[in-house]
Amino acid sequence: MTVRDLPEYATLLIEEPDDDIVLVTMNRPERLNAISAQLMTDLQDLTRRVDLDRTLRAVVLTGAGRGFCAGADLLGDPSIPPGAEGVGPIVSRFMAQDQIATVNESIHRSRKPWIA
């Protein structure tokens, strides 16, 4: 995988310090990289691409600014999970939790080591 092969993500910065390693930086420093629906969507896409790439050996995950990740964005994440348009706030929250769980499971089951 090369950086050229990846789409430009709204919440992630991707670097390639070595041919077989990808450095992924969560890029929401103004929110201490708090988890948003967009961040989860970006990570979901990236985890799928990482697993399919046979040349990649490892992923290093970090956060921009002074914090790695503050957890869920509780102060009003304007983005909503895919498919949650018009379902109401309670169902939308459950969908967001499901999206977070899906990303976590994808990283856990990945054939590549993720170092955070």
C-alpha atoms as a PDB file:
ATOM      1  CA  MET A   1       0.000   0.000   0.000  1.00  0.00           C
ATOM      2  CA  THR A   2       1.204   3.474  -0.701  1.00  0.00           C
ATOM      3  CA  VAL A   3      -0.216   6.753   0.459  1.00  0.00           C
ATOM      4  CA  ARG A   4      -1.045   7.475  -3.181  1.00  0.00           C
ATOM      5  CA  ASP A   5      -3.402   4.476  -3.222  1.00  0.00           C
ATOM      6  CA  LEU A   6      -5.520   5.711  -0.313  1.00  0.00           C
ATOM      7  CA  PRO A   7      -8.340   8.227  -0.470  1.00  0.00           C
ATOM      8  CA  GLU A   8      -7.974  11.493   1.391  1.00  0.00           C
ATOM      9  CA  TYR A   9      -9.679  11.018   4.753  1.00  0.00           C
ATOM     10  CA  ALA A  10     -11.457  13.859   6.549  1.00  0.00           C
ATOM     11  CA  THR A  11     -10.187  12.856  10.008  1.00  0.00           C
ATOM     12  CA  LEU A  12      -7.016  10.852   9.360  1.00  0.00           C
ATOM     13  CA  LEU A  13      -3.539  11.759   8.184  1.00  0.00           C
ATOM     14  CA  ILE A  14      -1.693   8.891   6.505  1.00  0.00           C
ATOM     15  CA  GLU A  15       2.090   8.662   6.186  1.00  0.00           C
ATOM     16  CA  GLU A  16       4.357   5.891   5.003  1.00  0.00           C
ATOM     17  CA  PRO A  17       7.634   6.035   6.963  1.00  0.00           C
ATOM     18  CA  ASP A  18       8.660   2.680   5.497  1.00  0.00           C
ATOM     19  CA  ASP A  19       7.470   0.633   2.512  1.00  0.00           C
ATOM     20  CA  ASP A  20       5.627  -1.871   4.689  1.00  0.00           C
ATOM     21  CA  ILE A  21       4.449   0.353   7.576  1.00  0.00           C
ATOM     22  CA  VAL A  22       1.680   2.943   7.616  1.00  0.00           C
ATOM     23  CA  LEU A  23       1.474   5.721  10.209  1.00  0.00           C
ATOM     24  CA  VAL A  24      -2.139   6.768  10.837  1.00  0.00           C
ATOM     25  CA  THR A  25      -2.770   9.976  12.790  1.00  0.00           C
ATOM     26  CA  MET A  26      -6.248  10.765  14.077  1.00  0.00           C
ATOM     27  CA  ASN A  27      -6.492  14.430  13.125  1.00  0.00           C
ATOM     28  CA  ARG A  28      -9.019  16.135  15.382  1.00  0.00           C
ATOM     29  CA  PRO A  29      -6.616  17.880  17.788  1.00  0.00           C
ATOM     30  CA  GLU A  30      -9.114  20.635  18.606  1.00  0.00           C
ATOM     31  CA  ARG A  31     -11.335  17.890  20.136  1.00  0.00           C
ATOM     32  CA  LEU A  32      -8.433  15.820  21.531  1.00  0.00           C
ATOM     33  CA  ASN A  33      -9.162  13.363  18.705  1.00  0.00           C
ATOM     34  CA  ALA A  34     -12.526  12.471  20.225  1.00  0.00           C
ATOM     35  CA  ILE A  35     -14.406   9.740  18.382  1.00  0.00           C
ATOM     36  CA  SER A  36     -16.890  11.039  15.826  1.00  0.00           C
ATOM     37  CA  ALA A  37     -19.005   9.222  13.259  1.00  0.00           C
ATOM     38  CA  GLN A  38     -16.710  10.546  10.514  1.00  0.00           C
ATOM     39  CA  LEU A  39     -13.602   9.312  12.329  1.00  0.00           C
ATOM     40  CA  MET A  40     -15.172   5.855  12.656  1.00  0.00           C
ATOM     41  CA  THR A  41     -16.212   5.865   8.982  1.00  0.00           C
ATOM     42  CA  ASP A  42     -12.656   6.760   7.975  1.00  0.00           C
ATOM     43  CA  LEU A  43     -11.122   4.102  10.241  1.00  0.00           C
ATOM     44  CA  GLN A  44     -13.614   1.508   8.998  1.00  0.00           C
ATOM     45  CA  ASP A  45     -12.543   2.121   5.403  1.00  0.00           C
ATOM     46  CA  LEU A  46      -8.859   2.138   6.319  1.00  0.00           C
ATOM     47  CA  THR A  47      -9.015  -1.136   8.291  1.00  0.00           C
ATOM     48  CA  ARG A  48     -10.600  -2.863   5.293  1.00  0.00           C
ATOM     49  CA  ARG A  49      -7.907  -1.555   2.943  1.00  0.00           C
ATOM     50  CA  VAL A  50      -5.092  -2.454   5.352  1.00  0.00           C
ATOM     51  CA  ASP A  51      -6.276  -6.042   5.652  1.00  0.00           C
ATOM     52  CA  LEU A  52      -6.412  -6.461   1.871  1.00  0.00           C
ATOM     53  CA  ASP A  53      -2.872  -5.180   1.303  1.00  0.00           C
ATOM     54  CA  ARG A  54      -0.387  -8.057   1.238  1.00  0.00           C
ATOM     55  CA  THR A  55       2.668  -5.771   1.210  1.00  0.00           C
ATOM     56  CA  LEU A  56       1.781  -4.004   4.453  1.00  0.00           C
ATOM     57  CA  ARG A  57       3.178  -5.461   7.682  1.00  0.00           C
ATOM     58  CA  ALA A  58       2.033  -3.062  10.419  1.00  0.00           C
ATOM     59  CA  VAL A  59      -0.014   0.013  11.247  1.00  0.00           C
ATOM     60  CA  VAL A  60       0.943   2.621  13.837  1.00  0.00           C
ATOM     61  CA  LEU A  61      -2.021   4.626  15.156  1.00  0.00           C
ATOM     62  CA  THR A  62      -1.483   7.935  16.922  1.00  0.00           C
ATOM     63  CA  GLY A  63      -3.305  11.177  17.635  1.00  0.00           C
ATOM     64  CA  ALA A  64      -2.499  14.730  16.575  1.00  0.00           C
ATOM     65  CA  GLY A  65      -1.894  17.346  19.231  1.00  0.00           C
ATOM     66  CA  ARG A  66      -1.668  16.782  22.963  1.00  0.00           C
ATOM     67  CA  GLY A  67      -4.002  13.798  23.314  1.00  0.00           C
ATOM     68  CA  PHE A  68      -4.231  10.369  21.739  1.00  0.00           C
ATOM     69  CA  CYS A  69      -8.029  10.100  21.965  1.00  0.00           C
ATOM     70  CA  ALA A  70     -10.488  11.569  24.468  1.00  0.00           C
ATOM     71  CA  GLY A  71     -13.107   8.853  23.866  1.00  0.00           C
ATOM     72  CA  ALA A  72     -16.522   9.616  22.432  1.00  0.00           C
ATOM     73  CA  ASP A  73     -17.220  13.193  21.354  1.00  0.00           C
ATOM     74  CA  LEU A  74     -19.860  14.097  23.950  1.00  0.00           C
ATOM     75  CA  LEU A  75     -19.970  17.807  23.157  1.00  0.00           C
ATOM     76  CA  GLY A  76     -21.903  17.522  19.958  1.00  0.00           C
ATOM     77  CA  ASP A  77     -20.466  15.592  17.072  1.00  0.00           C
ATOM     78  CA  PRO A  78     -22.318  17.021  14.052  1.00  0.00           C
ATOM     79  CA  SER A  79     -21.730  13.910  11.943  1.00  0.00           C
ATOM     80  CA  ILE A  80     -24.011  10.903  12.201  1.00  0.00           C
ATOM     81  CA  PRO A  81     -23.325   7.246  11.458  1.00  0.00           C
ATOM     82  CA  PRO A  82     -24.117   6.033   7.940  1.00  0.00           C
ATOM     83  CA  GLY A  83     -27.780   5.049   7.692  1.00  0.00           C
ATOM     84  CA  ALA A  84     -28.819   7.034  10.779  1.00  0.00           C
ATOM     85  CA  GLU A  85     -30.457   9.895   8.918  1.00  0.00           C
ATOM     86  CA  GLY A  86     -33.909  10.588  10.368  1.00  0.00           C
ATOM     87  CA  VAL A  87     -33.951   7.781  12.967  1.00  0.00           C
ATOM     88  CA  GLY A  88     -33.908   9.956  16.068  1.00  0.00           C
ATOM     89  CA  PRO A  89     -31.249  10.595  18.688  1.00  0.00           C
ATOM     90  CA  ILE A  90     -31.579   7.361  20.678  1.00  0.00           C
ATOM     91  CA  VAL A  91     -31.368   5.018  17.684  1.00  0.00           C
ATOM     92  CA  SER A  92     -28.590   7.184  16.242  1.00  0.00           C
ATOM     93  CA  ARG A  93     -26.552   6.714  19.451  1.00  0.00           C
ATOM     94  CA  PHE A  94     -27.007   2.947  19.277  1.00  0.00           C
ATOM     95  CA  MET A  95     -25.890   3.008  15.654  1.00  0.00           C
ATOM     96  CA  ALA A  96     -22.819   5.045  16.631  1.00  0.00           C
ATOM     97  CA  GLN A  97     -21.961   2.497  19.345  1.00  0.00           C
ATOM     98  CA  ASP A  98     -22.342  -0.296  16.809  1.00  0.00           C
ATOM     99  CA  GLN A  99     -20.036   1.526  14.387  1.00  0.00           C
ATOM    100  CA  ILE A 100     -17.383   1.944  17.116  1.00  0.00           C
ATOM    101  CA  ALA A 101     -17.658  -1.752  18.014  1.00  0.00           C
ATOM    102  CA  THR A 102     -17.302  -2.722  14.348  1.00  0.00           C
ATOM    103  CA  VAL A 103     -14.108  -0.684  13.967  1.00  0.00           C
ATOM    104  CA  ASN A 104     -12.663  -2.062  17.212  1.00  0.00           C
ATOM    105  CA  GLU A 105     -13.426  -5.613  16.121  1.00  0.00           C
ATOM    106  CA  SER A 106     -11.899  -4.980  12.676  1.00  0.00           C
ATOM    107  CA  ILE A 107      -8.665  -3.806  14.274  1.00  0.00           C
ATOM    108  CA  HIS A 108      -8.708  -6.716  16.735  1.00  0.00           C
ATOM    109  CA  ARG A 109      -9.252  -9.297  13.974  1.00  0.00           C
ATOM    110  CA  SER A 110      -6.842  -7.664  11.534  1.00  0.00           C
ATOM    111  CA  ARG A 111      -4.120  -9.845  10.080  1.00  0.00           C
ATOM    112  CA  LYS A 112      -1.733  -6.941  10.611  1.00  0.00           C
ATOM    113  CA  PRO A 113      -0.567  -5.662  14.008  1.00  0.00           C
ATOM    114  CA  TRP A 114      -1.914  -2.244  14.996  1.00  0.00           C
ATOM    115  CA  ILE A 115       0.322  -0.340  17.393  1.00  0.00           C
ATOM    116  CA  ALA A 116      -1.275   2.548  19.272  1.00  0.00           C
END
